[in-house]
PDB file of all heavy atoms in Angstrom:
ATOM      1  N   ALA A   1       0.832  -1.228  -0.018  1.00  0.00           N
ATOM      2  CA  ALA A   1       0.006  -0.017  -0.013  1.00  0.00           C
ATOM      3  C   ALA A   1       0.870   1.258  -0.006  1.00  0.00           C
ATOM      4  O   ALA A   1       0.495   2.273  -0.652  1.00  0.00           O
ATOM      5  CB  ALA A   1      -0.950  -0.020   1.257  1.00  0.00           C
ATOM      6  N   ASN A   2       1.950   1.221   0.680  1.00  0.00           N
ATOM      7  CA  ASN A   2       2.888   2.370   0.756  1.00  0.00           C
ATOM      8  C   ASN A   2       3.494   2.608  -0.612  1.00  0.00           C
ATOM      9  O   ASN A   2       3.498   3.802  -1.134  1.00  0.00           O
ATOM     10  CB  ASN A   2       3.957   2.115   1.783  1.00  0.00           C
ATOM     11  CG  ASN A   2       5.105   3.190   1.715  1.00  0.00           C
ATOM     12  OD1 ASN A   2       6.072   2.880   1.163  1.00  0.00           O
ATOM     13  ND2 ASN A   2       4.838   4.371   2.265  1.00  0.00           N
ATOM     14  N   LEU A   3       3.948   1.581  -1.255  1.00  0.00           N
ATOM     15  CA  LEU A   3       4.612   1.718  -2.579  1.00  0.00           C
ATOM     16  C   LEU A   3       3.600   2.156  -3.659  1.00  0.00           C
ATOM     17  O   LEU A   3       3.974   2.883  -4.581  1.00  0.00           O
ATOM     18  CB  LEU A   3       5.289   0.383  -3.003  1.00  0.00           C
ATOM     19  CG  LEU A   3       6.466  -0.072  -2.150  1.00  0.00           C
ATOM     20  CD1 LEU A   3       6.924  -1.445  -2.600  1.00  0.00           C
ATOM     21  CD2 LEU A   3       7.598   0.905  -2.223  1.00  0.00           C
ATOM     22  N   ALA A   4       2.338   1.719  -3.452  1.00  0.00           N
ATOM     23  CA  ALA A   4       1.270   2.157  -4.429  1.00  0.00           C
ATOM     24  C   ALA A   4       0.817   3.542  -4.131  1.00  0.00           C
ATOM     25  O   ALA A   4      -0.001   4.064  -4.940  1.00  0.00           O
ATOM     26  CB  ALA A   4       0.086   1.165  -4.333  1.00  0.00           C
ATOM     27  N   GLY A   5       1.256   4.226  -3.121  1.00  0.00           N
ATOM     28  CA  GLY A   5       0.841   5.587  -2.841  1.00  0.00           C
ATOM     29  C   GLY A   5      -0.299   5.797  -1.974  1.00  0.00           C
ATOM     30  O   GLY A   5      -0.812   6.860  -1.839  1.00  0.00           O
ATOM     31  N   LEU A   6      -0.789   4.702  -1.329  1.00  0.00           N
ATOM     32  CA  LEU A   6      -1.950   4.764  -0.500  1.00  0.00           C
ATOM     33  C   LEU A   6      -1.693   5.668   0.745  1.00  0.00           C
ATOM     34  O   LEU A   6      -2.564   6.364   1.247  1.00  0.00           O
ATOM     35  CB  LEU A   6      -2.412   3.374  -0.057  1.00  0.00           C
ATOM     36  CG  LEU A   6      -3.772   3.306   0.654  1.00  0.00           C
ATOM     37  CD1 LEU A   6      -4.901   3.701  -0.313  1.00  0.00           C
ATOM     38  CD2 LEU A   6      -4.005   1.881   1.165  1.00  0.00           C
ATOM     39  N   PHE A   7      -0.446   5.529   1.285  1.00  0.00           N
ATOM     40  CA  PHE A   7      -0.044   6.321   2.452  1.00  0.00           C
ATOM     41  C   PHE A   7       1.408   6.487   2.367  1.00  0.00           C
ATOM     42  O   PHE A   7       2.102   5.759   1.614  1.00  0.00           O
ATOM     43  CB  PHE A   7      -0.568   5.752   3.748  1.00  0.00           C
ATOM     44  CG  PHE A   7       0.189   4.518   4.192  1.00  0.00           C
ATOM     45  CD1 PHE A   7       1.127   4.630   5.211  1.00  0.00           C
ATOM     46  CD2 PHE A   7       0.021   3.334   3.575  1.00  0.00           C
ATOM     47  CE1 PHE A   7       1.859   3.521   5.639  1.00  0.00           C
ATOM     48  CE2 PHE A   7       0.801   2.204   3.929  1.00  0.00           C
ATOM     49  CZ  PHE A   7       1.699   2.267   4.964  1.00  0.00           C
ATOM     50  N   GLU A   8       2.063   7.299   3.284  1.00  0.00           N
ATOM     51  CA  GLU A   8       3.498   7.439   3.313  1.00  0.00           C
ATOM     52  C   GLU A   8       3.987   6.785   4.613  1.00  0.00           C
ATOM     53  O   GLU A   8       3.427   6.932   5.695  1.00  0.00           O
ATOM     54  CB  GLU A   8       3.834   8.943   3.308  1.00  0.00           C
ATOM     55  CG  GLU A   8       3.523   9.657   2.071  1.00  0.00           C
ATOM     56  CD  GLU A   8       4.268   9.077   0.839  1.00  0.00           C
ATOM     57  OE1 GLU A   8       5.397   8.612   1.046  1.00  0.00           O
ATOM     58  OE2 GLU A   8       3.698   9.052  -0.214  1.00  0.00           O
ATOM     59  N   LEU A   9       5.109   6.054   4.405  1.00  0.00           N
ATOM     60  CA  LEU A   9       5.859   5.398   5.522  1.00  0.00           C
ATOM     61  C   LEU A   9       7.274   5.857   5.587  1.00  0.00           C
ATOM     62  O   LEU A   9       7.991   5.571   4.657  1.00  0.00           O
ATOM     63  CB  LEU A   9       5.814   3.866   5.385  1.00  0.00           C
ATOM     64  CG  LEU A   9       6.402   3.002   6.462  1.00  0.00           C
ATOM     65  CD1 LEU A   9       5.612   3.205   7.822  1.00  0.00           C
ATOM     66  CD2 LEU A   9       6.501   1.580   6.094  1.00  0.00           C
ATOM     67  N   PRO A  10       7.601   6.605   6.551  1.00  0.00           N
ATOM     68  CA  PRO A  10       9.017   7.273   6.604  1.00  0.00           C
ATOM     69  C   PRO A  10      10.127   6.271   6.421  1.00  0.00           C
ATOM     70  O   PRO A  10      11.120   6.504   5.877  1.00  0.00           O
ATOM     71  CB  PRO A  10       9.049   7.917   8.005  1.00  0.00           C
ATOM     72  CG  PRO A  10       7.700   8.181   8.356  1.00  0.00           C
ATOM     73  CD  PRO A  10       6.867   7.111   7.761  1.00  0.00           C
ATOM     74  N   ALA A  11       9.947   5.029   6.930  1.00  0.00           N
ATOM     75  CA  ALA A  11      11.022   4.042   6.830  1.00  0.00           C
ATOM     76  C   ALA A  11      11.436   3.693   5.380  1.00  0.00           C
ATOM     77  O   ALA A  11      12.539   3.223   5.141  1.00  0.00           O
ATOM     78  CB  ALA A  11      10.686   2.768   7.580  1.00  0.00           C
ATOM     79  N   VAL A  12      10.475   3.837   4.430  1.00  0.00           N
ATOM     80  CA  VAL A  12      10.834   3.546   3.090  1.00  0.00           C
ATOM     81  C   VAL A  12      10.538   4.740   2.217  1.00  0.00           C
ATOM     82  O   VAL A  12      10.217   4.658   1.042  1.00  0.00           O
ATOM     83  CB  VAL A  12       9.988   2.356   2.522  1.00  0.00           C
ATOM     84  CG1 VAL A  12      10.478   1.084   3.187  1.00  0.00           C
ATOM     85  CG2 VAL A  12       8.490   2.540   2.782  1.00  0.00           C
ATOM     86  N   SER A  13      10.661   5.942   2.762  1.00  0.00           N
ATOM     87  CA  SER A  13      10.378   7.172   2.031  1.00  0.00           C
ATOM     88  C   SER A  13      11.504   7.392   0.985  1.00  0.00           C
ATOM     89  O   SER A  13      12.672   7.051   1.202  1.00  0.00           O
ATOM     90  CB  SER A  13      10.443   8.358   2.992  1.00  0.00           C
ATOM     91  OG  SER A  13      10.328   9.602   2.282  1.00  0.00           O
ATOM     92  N   ILE A  14      11.058   7.970  -0.159  1.00  0.00           N
ATOM     93  CA  ILE A  14      12.097   8.302  -1.210  1.00  0.00           C
ATOM     94  C   ILE A  14      12.366   9.799  -1.400  1.00  0.00           C
ATOM     95  O   ILE A  14      12.880  10.233  -2.306  1.00  0.00           O
ATOM     96  CB  ILE A  14      11.682   7.674  -2.584  1.00  0.00           C
ATOM     97  CG1 ILE A  14      10.354   8.281  -3.047  1.00  0.00           C
ATOM     98  CG2 ILE A  14      11.607   6.168  -2.487  1.00  0.00           C
ATOM     99  CD1 ILE A  14       9.982   7.883  -4.426  1.00  0.00           C
ATOM    100  N   THR A  15      11.849  10.541  -0.362  1.00  0.00           N
ATOM    101  CA  THR A  15      12.012  11.933  -0.389  1.00  0.00           C
ATOM    102  C   THR A  15      13.446  12.325  -0.009  1.00  0.00           C
ATOM    103  O   THR A  15      14.232  11.479   0.511  1.00  0.00           O
ATOM    104  CB  THR A  15      11.092  12.619   0.555  1.00  0.00           C
ATOM    105  OG1 THR A  15      11.330  12.154   1.886  1.00  0.00           O
ATOM    106  CG2 THR A  15       9.667  12.278   0.216  1.00  0.00           C
ATOM    107  N   ARG A  16      13.827  13.532  -0.203  1.00  0.00           N
ATOM    108  CA  ARG A  16      15.204  13.936   0.014  1.00  0.00           C
ATOM    109  C   ARG A  16      15.579  14.065   1.496  1.00  0.00           C
ATOM    110  O   ARG A  16      16.719  14.205   1.890  1.00  0.00           O
ATOM    111  CB  ARG A  16      15.434  15.339  -0.663  1.00  0.00           C
ATOM    112  CG  ARG A  16      15.377  15.283  -2.147  1.00  0.00           C
ATOM    113  CD  ARG A  16      15.570  16.702  -2.728  1.00  0.00           C
ATOM    114  NE  ARG A  16      15.516  16.605  -4.192  1.00  0.00           N
ATOM    115  CZ  ARG A  16      16.575  16.435  -4.975  1.00  0.00           C
ATOM    116  NH1 ARG A  16      17.720  16.326  -4.451  1.00  0.00           N
ATOM    117  NH2 ARG A  16      16.447  16.405  -6.311  1.00  0.00           N
ATOM    118  N   ASP A  17      14.627  14.011   2.369  1.00  0.00           N
ATOM    119  CA  ASP A  17      14.824  14.164   3.828  1.00  0.00           C
ATOM    120  C   ASP A  17      14.979  12.738   4.505  1.00  0.00           C
ATOM    121  O   ASP A  17      14.664  12.658   5.679  1.00  0.00           O
ATOM    122  CB  ASP A  17      13.894  15.027   4.518  1.00  0.00           C
ATOM    123  CG  ASP A  17      12.447  14.461   4.289  1.00  0.00           C
ATOM    124  OD1 ASP A  17      12.265  13.554   3.620  1.00  0.00           O
ATOM    125  OD2 ASP A  17      11.554  15.048   5.001  1.00  0.00           O
ATOM    126  N   GLY A  18      15.279  11.736   3.743  1.00  0.00           N
ATOM    127  CA  GLY A  18      15.427  10.395   4.378  1.00  0.00           C
ATOM    128  C   GLY A  18      16.489  10.374   5.433  1.00  0.00           C
ATOM    129  O   GLY A  18      17.480  11.064   5.341  1.00  0.00           O
ATOM    130  N   LYS A  19      16.248   9.640   6.520  1.00  0.00           N
ATOM    131  CA  LYS A  19      17.214   9.590   7.624  1.00  0.00           C
ATOM    132  C   LYS A  19      17.766   8.219   7.681  1.00  0.00           C
ATOM    133  O   LYS A  19      17.191   7.275   7.235  1.00  0.00           O
ATOM    134  CB  LYS A  19      16.493   9.984   8.903  1.00  0.00           C
ATOM    135  CG  LYS A  19      16.022  11.412   8.946  1.00  0.00           C
ATOM    136  CD  LYS A  19      15.355  11.701  10.286  1.00  0.00           C
ATOM    137  CE  LYS A  19      15.017  13.166  10.436  1.00  0.00           C
ATOM    138  NZ  LYS A  19      13.981  13.578   9.547  1.00  0.00           N
ATOM    139  N   PRO A  20      18.930   8.061   8.437  1.00  0.00           N
ATOM    140  CA  PRO A  20      19.505   6.695   8.536  1.00  0.00           C
ATOM    141  C   PRO A  20      18.576   5.732   9.211  1.00  0.00           C
ATOM    142  O   PRO A  20      18.668   4.541   8.989  1.00  0.00           O
ATOM    143  CB  PRO A  20      20.759   6.997   9.396  1.00  0.00           C
ATOM    144  CG  PRO A  20      21.117   8.425   9.144  1.00  0.00           C
ATOM    145  CD  PRO A  20      19.792   9.087   8.946  1.00  0.00           C
ATOM    146  N   GLY A  21      17.674   6.261  10.110  1.00  0.00           N
ATOM    147  CA  GLY A  21      16.812   5.344  10.776  1.00  0.00           C
ATOM    148  C   GLY A  21      15.862   4.643   9.772  1.00  0.00           C
ATOM    149  O   GLY A  21      15.518   3.421   9.951  1.00  0.00           O
ATOM    150  N   GLY A  22      15.512   5.273   8.630  1.00  0.00           N
ATOM    151  CA  GLY A  22      14.756   4.617   7.607  1.00  0.00           C
ATOM    152  C   GLY A  22      15.509   3.466   7.014  1.00  0.00           C
ATOM    153  O   GLY A  22      14.978   2.390   6.727  1.00  0.00           O
ATOM    154  N   ALA A  23      16.721   3.745   6.673  1.00  0.00           N
ATOM    155  CA  ALA A  23      17.627   2.687   6.030  1.00  0.00           C
ATOM    156  C   ALA A  23      17.874   1.547   7.012  1.00  0.00           C
ATOM    157  O   ALA A  23      17.844   0.362   6.641  1.00  0.00           O
ATOM    158  CB  ALA A  23      18.996   3.277   5.610  1.00  0.00           C
ATOM    159  N   PHE A  24      18.005   1.813   8.289  1.00  0.00           N
ATOM    160  CA  PHE A  24      18.201   0.825   9.298  1.00  0.00           C
ATOM    161  C   PHE A  24      16.904  -0.112   9.410  1.00  0.00           C
ATOM    162  O   PHE A  24      17.014  -1.342   9.443  1.00  0.00           O
ATOM    163  CB  PHE A  24      18.420   1.445  10.689  1.00  0.00           C
ATOM    164  CG  PHE A  24      18.705   0.486  11.766  1.00  0.00           C
ATOM    165  CD1 PHE A  24      19.876  -0.161  11.970  1.00  0.00           C
ATOM    166  CD2 PHE A  24      17.633   0.157  12.716  1.00  0.00           C
ATOM    167  CE1 PHE A  24      20.112  -1.093  13.005  1.00  0.00           C
ATOM    168  CE2 PHE A  24      17.795  -0.694  13.739  1.00  0.00           C
ATOM    169  CZ  PHE A  24      19.070  -1.379  13.873  1.00  0.00           C
ATOM    170  N   ALA A  25      15.772   0.501   9.380  1.00  0.00           N
ATOM    171  CA  ALA A  25      14.512  -0.284   9.500  1.00  0.00           C
ATOM    172  C   ALA A  25      14.345  -1.081   8.217  1.00  0.00           C
ATOM    173  O   ALA A  25      13.882  -2.237   8.288  1.00  0.00           O
ATOM    174  CB  ALA A  25      13.333   0.709   9.623  1.00  0.00           C
ATOM    175  N   THR A  26      14.763  -0.537   7.046  1.00  0.00           N
ATOM    176  CA  THR A  26      14.680  -1.289   5.787  1.00  0.00           C
ATOM    177  C   THR A  26      15.574  -2.501   5.868  1.00  0.00           C
ATOM    178  O   THR A  26      15.213  -3.591   5.393  1.00  0.00           O
ATOM    179  CB  THR A  26      15.010  -0.401   4.615  1.00  0.00           C
ATOM    180  OG1 THR A  26      14.145   0.738   4.555  1.00  0.00           O
ATOM    181  CG2 THR A  26      14.846  -1.131   3.298  1.00  0.00           C
ATOM    182  N   GLY A  27      16.755  -2.310   6.463  1.00  0.00           N
ATOM    183  CA  GLY A  27      17.701  -3.434   6.617  1.00  0.00           C
ATOM    184  C   GLY A  27      17.105  -4.574   7.426  1.00  0.00           C
ATOM    185  O   GLY A  27      17.196  -5.755   7.192  1.00  0.00           O
ATOM    186  N   LEU A  28      16.533  -4.132   8.645  1.00  0.00           N
ATOM    187  CA  LEU A  28      15.889  -5.117   9.509  1.00  0.00           C
ATOM    188  C   LEU A  28      14.843  -5.891   8.767  1.00  0.00           C
ATOM    189  O   LEU A  28      14.765  -7.113   8.797  1.00  0.00           O
ATOM    190  CB  LEU A  28      15.231  -4.357  10.685  1.00  0.00           C
ATOM    191  CG  LEU A  28      16.151  -3.822  11.782  1.00  0.00           C
ATOM    192  CD1 LEU A  28      15.372  -3.020  12.713  1.00  0.00           C
ATOM    193  CD2 LEU A  28      16.857  -4.941  12.473  1.00  0.00           C
ATOM    194  N   LEU A  29      14.025  -5.152   8.013  1.00  0.00           N
ATOM    195  CA  LEU A  29      12.882  -5.836   7.341  1.00  0.00           C
ATOM    196  C   LEU A  29      13.458  -6.747   6.153  1.00  0.00           C
ATOM    197  O   LEU A  29      12.949  -7.882   6.000  1.00  0.00           O
ATOM    198  CB  LEU A  29      11.996  -4.745   6.609  1.00  0.00           C
ATOM    199  CG  LEU A  29      10.841  -5.297   5.823  1.00  0.00           C
ATOM    200  CD1 LEU A  29       9.903  -6.055   6.616  1.00  0.00           C
ATOM    201  CD2 LEU A  29      10.140  -4.063   5.106  1.00  0.00           C
ATOM    202  N   ALA A  30      14.500  -6.309   5.480  1.00  0.00           N
ATOM    203  CA  ALA A  30      15.050  -7.083   4.352  1.00  0.00           C
ATOM    204  C   ALA A  30      15.564  -8.382   4.885  1.00  0.00           C
ATOM    205  O   ALA A  30      15.321  -9.458   4.299  1.00  0.00           O
ATOM    206  CB  ALA A  30      16.171  -6.304   3.655  1.00  0.00           C
ATOM    207  N   ALA A  31      16.344  -8.415   5.999  1.00  0.00           N
ATOM    208  CA  ALA A  31      16.870  -9.632   6.503  1.00  0.00           C
ATOM    209  C   ALA A  31      15.785 -10.552   7.030  1.00  0.00           C
ATOM    210  O   ALA A  31      15.872 -11.766   6.843  1.00  0.00           O
ATOM    211  CB  ALA A  31      17.903  -9.351   7.604  1.00  0.00           C
ATOM    212  N   PHE A  32      14.774 -10.012   7.704  1.00  0.00           N
ATOM    213  CA  PHE A  32      13.743 -10.872   8.276  1.00  0.00           C
ATOM    214  C   PHE A  32      12.899 -11.593   7.187  1.00  0.00           C
ATOM    215  O   PHE A  32      12.614 -12.738   7.331  1.00  0.00           O
ATOM    216  CB  PHE A  32      12.841 -10.038   9.180  1.00  0.00           C
ATOM    217  CG  PHE A  32      11.875 -10.832   9.923  1.00  0.00           C
ATOM    218  CD1 PHE A  32      12.210 -11.608  10.961  1.00  0.00           C
ATOM    219  CD2 PHE A  32      10.412 -10.803   9.636  1.00  0.00           C
ATOM    220  CE1 PHE A  32      11.296 -12.413  11.633  1.00  0.00           C
ATOM    221  CE2 PHE A  32       9.521 -11.563  10.357  1.00  0.00           C
ATOM    222  CZ  PHE A  32       9.989 -12.357  11.368  1.00  0.00           C
ATOM    223  N   VAL A  33      12.615 -10.838   6.086  1.00  0.00           N
ATOM    224  CA  VAL A  33      11.714 -11.406   5.045  1.00  0.00           C
ATOM    225  C   VAL A  33      12.560 -12.210   4.041  1.00  0.00           C
ATOM    226  O   VAL A  33      12.033 -13.121   3.416  1.00  0.00           O
ATOM    227  CB  VAL A  33      10.986 -10.313   4.366  1.00  0.00           C
ATOM    228  CG1 VAL A  33      10.059 -10.841   3.276  1.00  0.00           C
ATOM    229  CG2 VAL A  33      10.101  -9.537   5.354  1.00  0.00           C
ATOM    230  N   ALA A  34      13.813 -11.834   3.869  1.00  0.00           N
ATOM    231  CA  ALA A  34      14.596 -12.425   2.742  1.00  0.00           C
ATOM    232  C   ALA A  34      15.384 -13.569   3.090  1.00  0.00           C
ATOM    233  O   ALA A  34      16.200 -14.073   2.237  1.00  0.00           O
ATOM    234  CB  ALA A  34      15.604 -11.254   2.241  1.00  0.00           C
ATOM    235  N   THR A  35      15.318 -14.156   4.331  1.00  0.00           N
ATOM    236  CA  THR A  35      16.155 -15.289   4.670  1.00  0.00           C
ATOM    237  C   THR A  35      15.342 -16.629   4.935  1.00  0.00           C
ATOM    238  O   THR A  35      15.739 -17.391   5.790  1.00  0.00           O
ATOM    239  CB  THR A  35      17.066 -14.941   5.813  1.00  0.00           C
ATOM    240  OG1 THR A  35      16.204 -14.441   6.884  1.00  0.00           O
ATOM    241  CG2 THR A  35      18.077 -13.943   5.456  1.00  0.00           C
ATOM    242  N   PRO A  36      14.259 -16.811   4.306  1.00  0.00           N
ATOM    243  CA  PRO A  36      13.560 -18.127   4.608  1.00  0.00           C
ATOM    244  C   PRO A  36      14.309 -19.282   3.925  1.00  0.00           C
ATOM    245  O   PRO A  36      14.145 -20.422   4.322  1.00  0.00           O
ATOM    246  CB  PRO A  36      12.137 -17.916   3.948  1.00  0.00           C
ATOM    247  CG  PRO A  36      12.374 -16.990   2.850  1.00  0.00           C
ATOM    248  CD  PRO A  36      13.412 -15.969   3.382  1.00  0.00           C
ATOM    249  N   CYS A  37      15.097 -19.036   2.953  1.00  0.00           N
ATOM    250  CA  CYS A  37      15.773 -20.149   2.199  1.00  0.00           C
ATOM    251  C   CYS A  37      17.308 -19.952   2.317  1.00  0.00           C
ATOM    252  O   CYS A  37      17.755 -18.839   2.569  1.00  0.00           O
ATOM    253  CB  CYS A  37      15.364 -20.136   0.735  1.00  0.00           C
ATOM    254  SG  CYS A  37      13.622 -20.508   0.496  1.00  0.00           S
ATOM    255  N   THR A  38      17.959 -21.077   2.183  1.00  0.00           N
ATOM    256  CA  THR A  38      19.393 -20.985   2.130  1.00  0.00           C
ATOM    257  C   THR A  38      19.917 -21.133   0.672  1.00  0.00           C
ATOM    258  O   THR A  38      19.330 -21.867  -0.098  1.00  0.00           O
ATOM    259  CB  THR A  38      19.995 -22.210   2.922  1.00  0.00           C
ATOM    260  OG1 THR A  38      19.389 -23.393   2.450  1.00  0.00           O
ATOM    261  CG2 THR A  38      19.736 -22.018   4.458  1.00  0.00           C
ATOM    262  N   GLY A  39      20.897 -20.405   0.372  1.00  0.00           N
ATOM    263  CA  GLY A  39      21.457 -20.429  -0.935  1.00  0.00           C
ATOM    264  C   GLY A  39      22.820 -21.116  -1.061  1.00  0.00           C
ATOM    265  O   GLY A  39      23.333 -21.609  -0.019  1.00  0.00           O
ATOM    266  N   PRO A  40      23.484 -21.143  -2.180  1.00  0.00           N
ATOM    267  CA  PRO A  40      24.794 -21.662  -2.272  1.00  0.00           C
ATOM    268  C   PRO A  40      25.732 -21.023  -1.301  1.00  0.00           C
ATOM    269  O   PRO A  40      25.689 -19.853  -1.030  1.00  0.00           O
ATOM    270  CB  PRO A  40      25.159 -21.345  -3.727  1.00  0.00           C
ATOM    271  CG  PRO A  40      23.892 -21.209  -4.476  1.00  0.00           C
ATOM    272  CD  PRO A  40      22.936 -20.620  -3.455  1.00  0.00           C
ATOM    273  N   PHE A  41      26.686 -21.850  -0.802  1.00  0.00           N
ATOM    274  CA  PHE A  41      27.653 -21.461   0.207  1.00  0.00           C
ATOM    275  C   PHE A  41      27.117 -21.271   1.600  1.00  0.00           C
ATOM    276  O   PHE A  41      27.731 -21.525   2.578  1.00  0.00           O
ATOM    277  CB  PHE A  41      28.488 -20.218  -0.229  1.00  0.00           C
ATOM    278  CG  PHE A  41      29.174 -20.278  -1.495  1.00  0.00           C
ATOM    279  CD1 PHE A  41      28.635 -19.673  -2.683  1.00  0.00           C
ATOM    280  CD2 PHE A  41      30.341 -21.029  -1.635  1.00  0.00           C
ATOM    281  CE1 PHE A  41      29.273 -19.753  -3.868  1.00  0.00           C
ATOM    282  CE2 PHE A  41      30.968 -21.074  -2.856  1.00  0.00           C
ATOM    283  CZ  PHE A  41      30.424 -20.479  -4.005  1.00  0.00           C
ATOM    284  N   MET A  42      25.838 -20.802   1.630  1.00  0.00           N
ATOM    285  CA  MET A  42      25.278 -20.482   2.921  1.00  0.00           C
ATOM    286  C   MET A  42      24.845 -21.750   3.740  1.00  0.00           C
ATOM    287  O   MET A  42      24.871 -21.747   4.935  1.00  0.00           O
ATOM    288  CB  MET A  42      24.034 -19.585   2.641  1.00  0.00           C
ATOM    289  CG  MET A  42      23.272 -19.228   3.902  1.00  0.00           C
ATOM    290  SD  MET A  42      21.745 -18.281   3.385  1.00  0.00           S
ATOM    291  CE  MET A  42      20.860 -18.310   4.933  1.00  0.00           C
ATOM    292  N   ALA A  43      24.470 -22.849   2.998  1.00  0.00           N
ATOM    293  CA  ALA A  43      23.943 -23.972   3.648  1.00  0.00           C
ATOM    294  C   ALA A  43      24.930 -24.586   4.653  1.00  0.00           C
ATOM    295  O   ALA A  43      24.607 -24.906   5.791  1.00  0.00           O
ATOM    296  CB  ALA A  43      23.556 -25.043   2.632  1.00  0.00           C
ATOM    297  N   ALA A  44      26.195 -24.741   4.205  1.00  0.00           N
ATOM    298  CA  ALA A  44      27.181 -25.445   5.060  1.00  0.00           C
ATOM    299  C   ALA A  44      27.500 -24.532   6.342  1.00  0.00           C
ATOM    300  O   ALA A  44      27.632 -24.978   7.419  1.00  0.00           O
ATOM    301  CB  ALA A  44      28.480 -25.645   4.343  1.00  0.00           C
TER     302      ALA A  44
END
């Protein structure tokens, strides 16, 4: 909904006043959602 423009979420804002806290939150989210599977080298 945020990406579609329904509302604004500072953590993923693309405006010029983005803060490191937004990038930190995006990193938390990326790791949590992006690691359900193991890839090459990672399994061992």
